[in-house]
Amino acid sequence: MATITLSIPEEIKIQMEKFEWLNWSAIAREAFQRRIKQLQILNKLEKDFKNSKLSDKECLELGKQLKDSMCQELRDKTQSRS
């Protein structure tokens, strides 16, 4: 596994020290993975819609519908675990 070094403001370091029991490396890894996934999705959408004739308004409405759908899916998963 590769190693990286991050610089963070002192204030964040102080706040992190209050939660020393957390695995900050794992949290950073998860954040990196989430961002990479988001960027991959954006790249795919950009390619898929490169020649789209949709208006900005239509795109925003589709985005809202997608967000609502994903939120509902998450709620369903959460409720099924209870």
N, C-alpha and C. Protein backbone atom coordinates (compact mmCIF):
# COMPACT_ATOMS: atom_id res chain seq x y z
N MET A 1 0.85 -1.17 0.00
CA MET A 1 0.00 0.00 0.00
C MET A 1 0.90 1.24 0.00
N ALA A 2 0.51 2.22 -0.80
CA ALA A 2 1.27 3.47 -0.87
C ALA A 2 1.01 4.32 0.37
N THR A 3 1.94 5.21 0.65
CA THR A 3 1.82 6.11 1.79
C THR A 3 1.83 7.54 1.28
N ILE A 4 0.94 8.37 1.84
CA ILE A 4 0.96 9.80 1.52
C ILE A 4 1.01 10.59 2.82
N THR A 5 1.47 11.82 2.72
CA THR A 5 1.51 12.71 3.86
C THR A 5 0.62 13.90 3.54
N LEU A 6 -0.25 14.27 4.48
CA LEU A 6 -1.16 15.39 4.30
C LEU A 6 -0.79 16.51 5.25
N SER A 7 -0.94 17.72 4.79
CA SER A 7 -0.80 18.89 5.65
C SER A 7 -2.20 19.39 5.98
N ILE A 8 -2.44 19.64 7.24
CA ILE A 8 -3.74 20.15 7.67
C ILE A 8 -3.51 21.33 8.61
N PRO A 9 -4.46 22.23 8.68
CA PRO A 9 -4.32 23.36 9.61
C PRO A 9 -4.24 22.87 11.06
N GLU A 10 -3.55 23.60 11.86
CA GLU A 10 -3.37 23.24 13.28
C GLU A 10 -4.71 23.06 13.98
N GLU A 11 -5.69 23.91 13.66
CA GLU A 11 -7.01 23.82 14.30
C GLU A 11 -7.66 22.47 14.04
N ILE A 12 -7.53 21.97 12.83
CA ILE A 12 -8.10 20.66 12.51
C ILE A 12 -7.35 19.58 13.30
N LYS A 13 -6.05 19.67 13.37
CA LYS A 13 -5.25 18.71 14.13
C LYS A 13 -5.70 18.67 15.59
N ILE A 14 -5.94 19.84 16.17
CA ILE A 14 -6.40 19.91 17.57
C ILE A 14 -7.74 19.21 17.71
N GLN A 15 -8.65 19.45 16.76
CA GLN A 15 -9.96 18.80 16.81
C GLN A 15 -9.84 17.29 16.64
N MET A 16 -8.95 16.86 15.75
CA MET A 16 -8.76 15.42 15.53
C MET A 16 -8.23 14.74 16.79
N GLU A 17 -7.38 15.42 17.51
CA GLU A 17 -6.80 14.84 18.73
C GLU A 17 -7.86 14.56 19.79
N LYS A 18 -8.97 15.23 19.71
CA LYS A 18 -10.08 14.98 20.66
C LYS A 18 -10.73 13.63 20.39
N PHE A 19 -10.49 13.09 19.20
CA PHE A 19 -11.07 11.81 18.81
C PHE A 19 -9.96 10.85 18.41
N GLU A 20 -8.97 10.73 19.29
CA GLU A 20 -7.79 9.93 18.96
C GLU A 20 -8.10 8.46 18.74
N TRP A 21 -9.24 7.99 19.20
CA TRP A 21 -9.62 6.60 19.03
C TRP A 21 -10.06 6.30 17.60
N LEU A 22 -10.30 7.35 16.80
CA LEU A 22 -10.69 7.13 15.41
C LEU A 22 -9.48 6.79 14.55
N ASN A 23 -9.71 5.99 13.55
CA ASN A 23 -8.67 5.64 12.59
C ASN A 23 -8.72 6.67 11.45
N TRP A 24 -7.98 7.74 11.60
CA TRP A 24 -8.02 8.84 10.64
C TRP A 24 -7.53 8.42 9.27
N SER A 25 -6.62 7.48 9.21
CA SER A 25 -6.15 6.99 7.91
C SER A 25 -7.29 6.31 7.15
N ALA A 26 -8.08 5.52 7.86
CA ALA A 26 -9.21 4.84 7.23
C ALA A 26 -10.25 5.86 6.78
N ILE A 27 -10.49 6.87 7.59
CA ILE A 27 -11.45 7.92 7.24
C ILE A 27 -10.98 8.66 5.99
N ALA A 28 -9.71 8.98 5.92
CA ALA A 28 -9.16 9.67 4.75
C ALA A 28 -9.27 8.77 3.51
N ARG A 29 -8.96 7.48 3.66
CA ARG A 29 -9.07 6.53 2.55
C ARG A 29 -10.50 6.50 2.01
N GLU A 30 -11.47 6.42 2.93
CA GLU A 30 -12.88 6.39 2.53
C GLU A 30 -13.26 7.67 1.80
N ALA A 31 -12.78 8.81 2.29
CA ALA A 31 -13.08 10.09 1.64
C ALA A 31 -12.48 10.12 0.23
N PHE A 32 -11.26 9.64 0.08
CA PHE A 32 -10.63 9.58 -1.24
C PHE A 32 -11.44 8.68 -2.17
N GLN A 33 -11.84 7.52 -1.66
CA GLN A 33 -12.61 6.58 -2.48
C GLN A 33 -13.95 7.19 -2.91
N ARG A 34 -14.61 7.89 -1.98
CA ARG A 34 -15.88 8.55 -2.31
C ARG A 34 -15.68 9.59 -3.40
N ARG A 35 -14.65 10.41 -3.26
CA ARG A 35 -14.40 11.47 -4.25
C ARG A 35 -14.06 10.87 -5.60
N ILE A 36 -13.26 9.81 -5.63
CA ILE A 36 -12.91 9.15 -6.89
C ILE A 36 -14.17 8.61 -7.55
N LYS A 37 -15.05 8.00 -6.78
CA LYS A 37 -16.31 7.47 -7.31
C LYS A 37 -17.14 8.60 -7.90
N GLN A 38 -17.22 9.73 -7.19
CA GLN A 38 -17.98 10.88 -7.70
C GLN A 38 -17.39 11.37 -9.01
N LEU A 39 -16.09 11.48 -9.08
CA LEU A 39 -15.43 11.96 -10.29
C LEU A 39 -15.63 10.99 -11.46
N GLN A 40 -15.60 9.69 -11.16
CA GLN A 40 -15.84 8.70 -12.21
C GLN A 40 -17.26 8.84 -12.76
N ILE A 41 -18.21 9.04 -11.87
CA ILE A 41 -19.61 9.22 -12.29
C ILE A 41 -19.73 10.49 -13.14
N LEU A 42 -19.12 11.57 -12.68
CA LEU A 42 -19.17 12.83 -13.44
C LEU A 42 -18.54 12.67 -14.82
N ASN A 43 -17.42 11.98 -14.89
CA ASN A 43 -16.76 11.74 -16.19
C ASN A 43 -17.66 10.94 -17.11
N LYS A 44 -18.31 9.92 -16.57
CA LYS A 44 -19.21 9.10 -17.38
C LYS A 44 -20.39 9.93 -17.87
N LEU A 45 -20.97 10.72 -16.95
CA LEU A 45 -22.10 11.56 -17.36
C LEU A 45 -21.69 12.57 -18.43
N GLU A 46 -20.51 13.12 -18.25
CA GLU A 46 -20.01 14.09 -19.23
C GLU A 46 -19.88 13.44 -20.61
N LYS A 47 -19.35 12.23 -20.65
CA LYS A 47 -19.23 11.52 -21.93
C LYS A 47 -20.60 11.17 -22.49
N ASP A 48 -21.49 10.67 -21.61
CA ASP A 48 -22.82 10.24 -22.05
C ASP A 48 -23.66 11.41 -22.58
N PHE A 49 -23.49 12.59 -21.98
CA PHE A 49 -24.33 13.73 -22.33
C PHE A 49 -23.59 14.79 -23.15
N LYS A 50 -22.43 14.43 -23.67
CA LYS A 50 -21.62 15.39 -24.43
C LYS A 50 -22.42 16.02 -25.57
N ASN A 51 -23.20 15.24 -26.27
CA ASN A 51 -23.96 15.72 -27.42
C ASN A 51 -25.45 15.86 -27.10
N SER A 52 -25.77 15.98 -25.82
CA SER A 52 -27.16 16.06 -25.39
C SER A 52 -27.81 17.37 -25.85
N LYS A 53 -29.08 17.29 -26.13
CA LYS A 53 -29.86 18.47 -26.52
C LYS A 53 -30.72 18.97 -25.36
N LEU A 54 -30.50 18.40 -24.15
CA LEU A 54 -31.28 18.81 -22.99
C LEU A 54 -30.91 20.23 -22.57
N SER A 55 -31.91 20.96 -22.09
CA SER A 55 -31.65 22.31 -21.58
C SER A 55 -31.08 22.20 -20.17
N ASP A 56 -30.53 23.30 -19.69
CA ASP A 56 -30.03 23.32 -18.31
C ASP A 56 -31.15 22.99 -17.33
N LYS A 57 -32.33 23.53 -17.57
CA LYS A 57 -33.47 23.27 -16.68
C LYS A 57 -33.82 21.78 -16.65
N GLU A 58 -33.82 21.15 -17.82
CA GLU A 58 -34.11 19.72 -17.89
C GLU A 58 -33.04 18.90 -17.16
N CYS A 59 -31.79 19.31 -17.31
CA CYS A 59 -30.70 18.61 -16.63
C CYS A 59 -30.84 18.73 -15.12
N LEU A 60 -31.18 19.92 -14.65
CA LEU A 60 -31.36 20.12 -13.21
C LEU A 60 -32.52 19.28 -12.69
N GLU A 61 -33.60 19.18 -13.45
CA GLU A 61 -34.74 18.37 -13.04
C GLU A 61 -34.36 16.89 -12.99
N LEU A 62 -33.62 16.42 -13.98
CA LEU A 62 -33.16 15.03 -13.95
C LEU A 62 -32.26 14.78 -12.74
N GLY A 63 -31.39 15.74 -12.44
CA GLY A 63 -30.52 15.61 -11.27
C GLY A 63 -31.32 15.53 -9.99
N LYS A 64 -32.35 16.35 -9.88
CA LYS A 64 -33.20 16.32 -8.68
C LYS A 64 -33.90 14.97 -8.56
N GLN A 65 -34.41 14.47 -9.67
CA GLN A 65 -35.08 13.17 -9.65
C GLN A 65 -34.11 12.06 -9.23
N LEU A 66 -32.89 12.11 -9.74
CA LEU A 66 -31.88 11.12 -9.38
C LEU A 66 -31.55 11.20 -7.89
N LYS A 67 -31.36 12.43 -7.39
CA LYS A 67 -31.06 12.61 -5.97
C LYS A 67 -32.19 12.06 -5.11
N ASP A 68 -33.43 12.40 -5.47
CA ASP A 68 -34.58 11.91 -4.71
C ASP A 68 -34.64 10.39 -4.72
N SER A 69 -34.36 9.80 -5.87
CA SER A 69 -34.38 8.35 -6.00
C SER A 69 -33.30 7.71 -5.13
N MET A 70 -32.11 8.30 -5.15
CA MET A 70 -31.01 7.76 -4.35
C MET A 70 -31.30 7.90 -2.86
N CYS A 71 -31.91 9.02 -2.45
CA CYS A 71 -32.28 9.21 -1.05
C CYS A 71 -33.30 8.16 -0.62
N GLN A 72 -34.28 7.90 -1.47
CA GLN A 72 -35.30 6.91 -1.14
C GLN A 72 -34.67 5.52 -1.03
N GLU A 73 -33.75 5.21 -1.92
CA GLU A 73 -33.05 3.92 -1.88
C GLU A 73 -32.29 3.77 -0.57
N LEU A 74 -31.63 4.82 -0.14
CA LEU A 74 -30.89 4.80 1.12
C LEU A 74 -31.84 4.62 2.30
N ARG A 75 -32.98 5.34 2.26
CA ARG A 75 -33.97 5.19 3.33
C ARG A 75 -34.47 3.75 3.41
N ASP A 76 -34.75 3.16 2.24
CA ASP A 76 -35.23 1.78 2.19
C ASP A 76 -34.21 0.81 2.78
N LYS A 77 -32.94 0.99 2.43
CA LYS A 77 -31.89 0.14 2.98
C LYS A 77 -31.79 0.30 4.49
N THR A 78 -31.87 1.53 4.96
CA THR A 78 -31.77 1.80 6.39
C THR A 78 -32.92 1.18 7.14
N GLN A 79 -34.13 1.29 6.59
CA GLN A 79 -35.31 0.72 7.24
C GLN A 79 -35.27 -0.79 7.24
N SER A 80 -34.73 -1.39 6.20
CA SER A 80 -34.69 -2.85 6.13
C SER A 80 -33.70 -3.44 7.13
N ARG A 81 -32.75 -2.64 7.57
CA ARG A 81 -31.75 -3.10 8.56
C ARG A 81 -32.30 -3.04 9.98
N SER A 82 -33.37 -2.25 10.16
CA SER A 82 -33.95 -2.08 11.52
C SER A 82 -34.76 -3.26 11.95
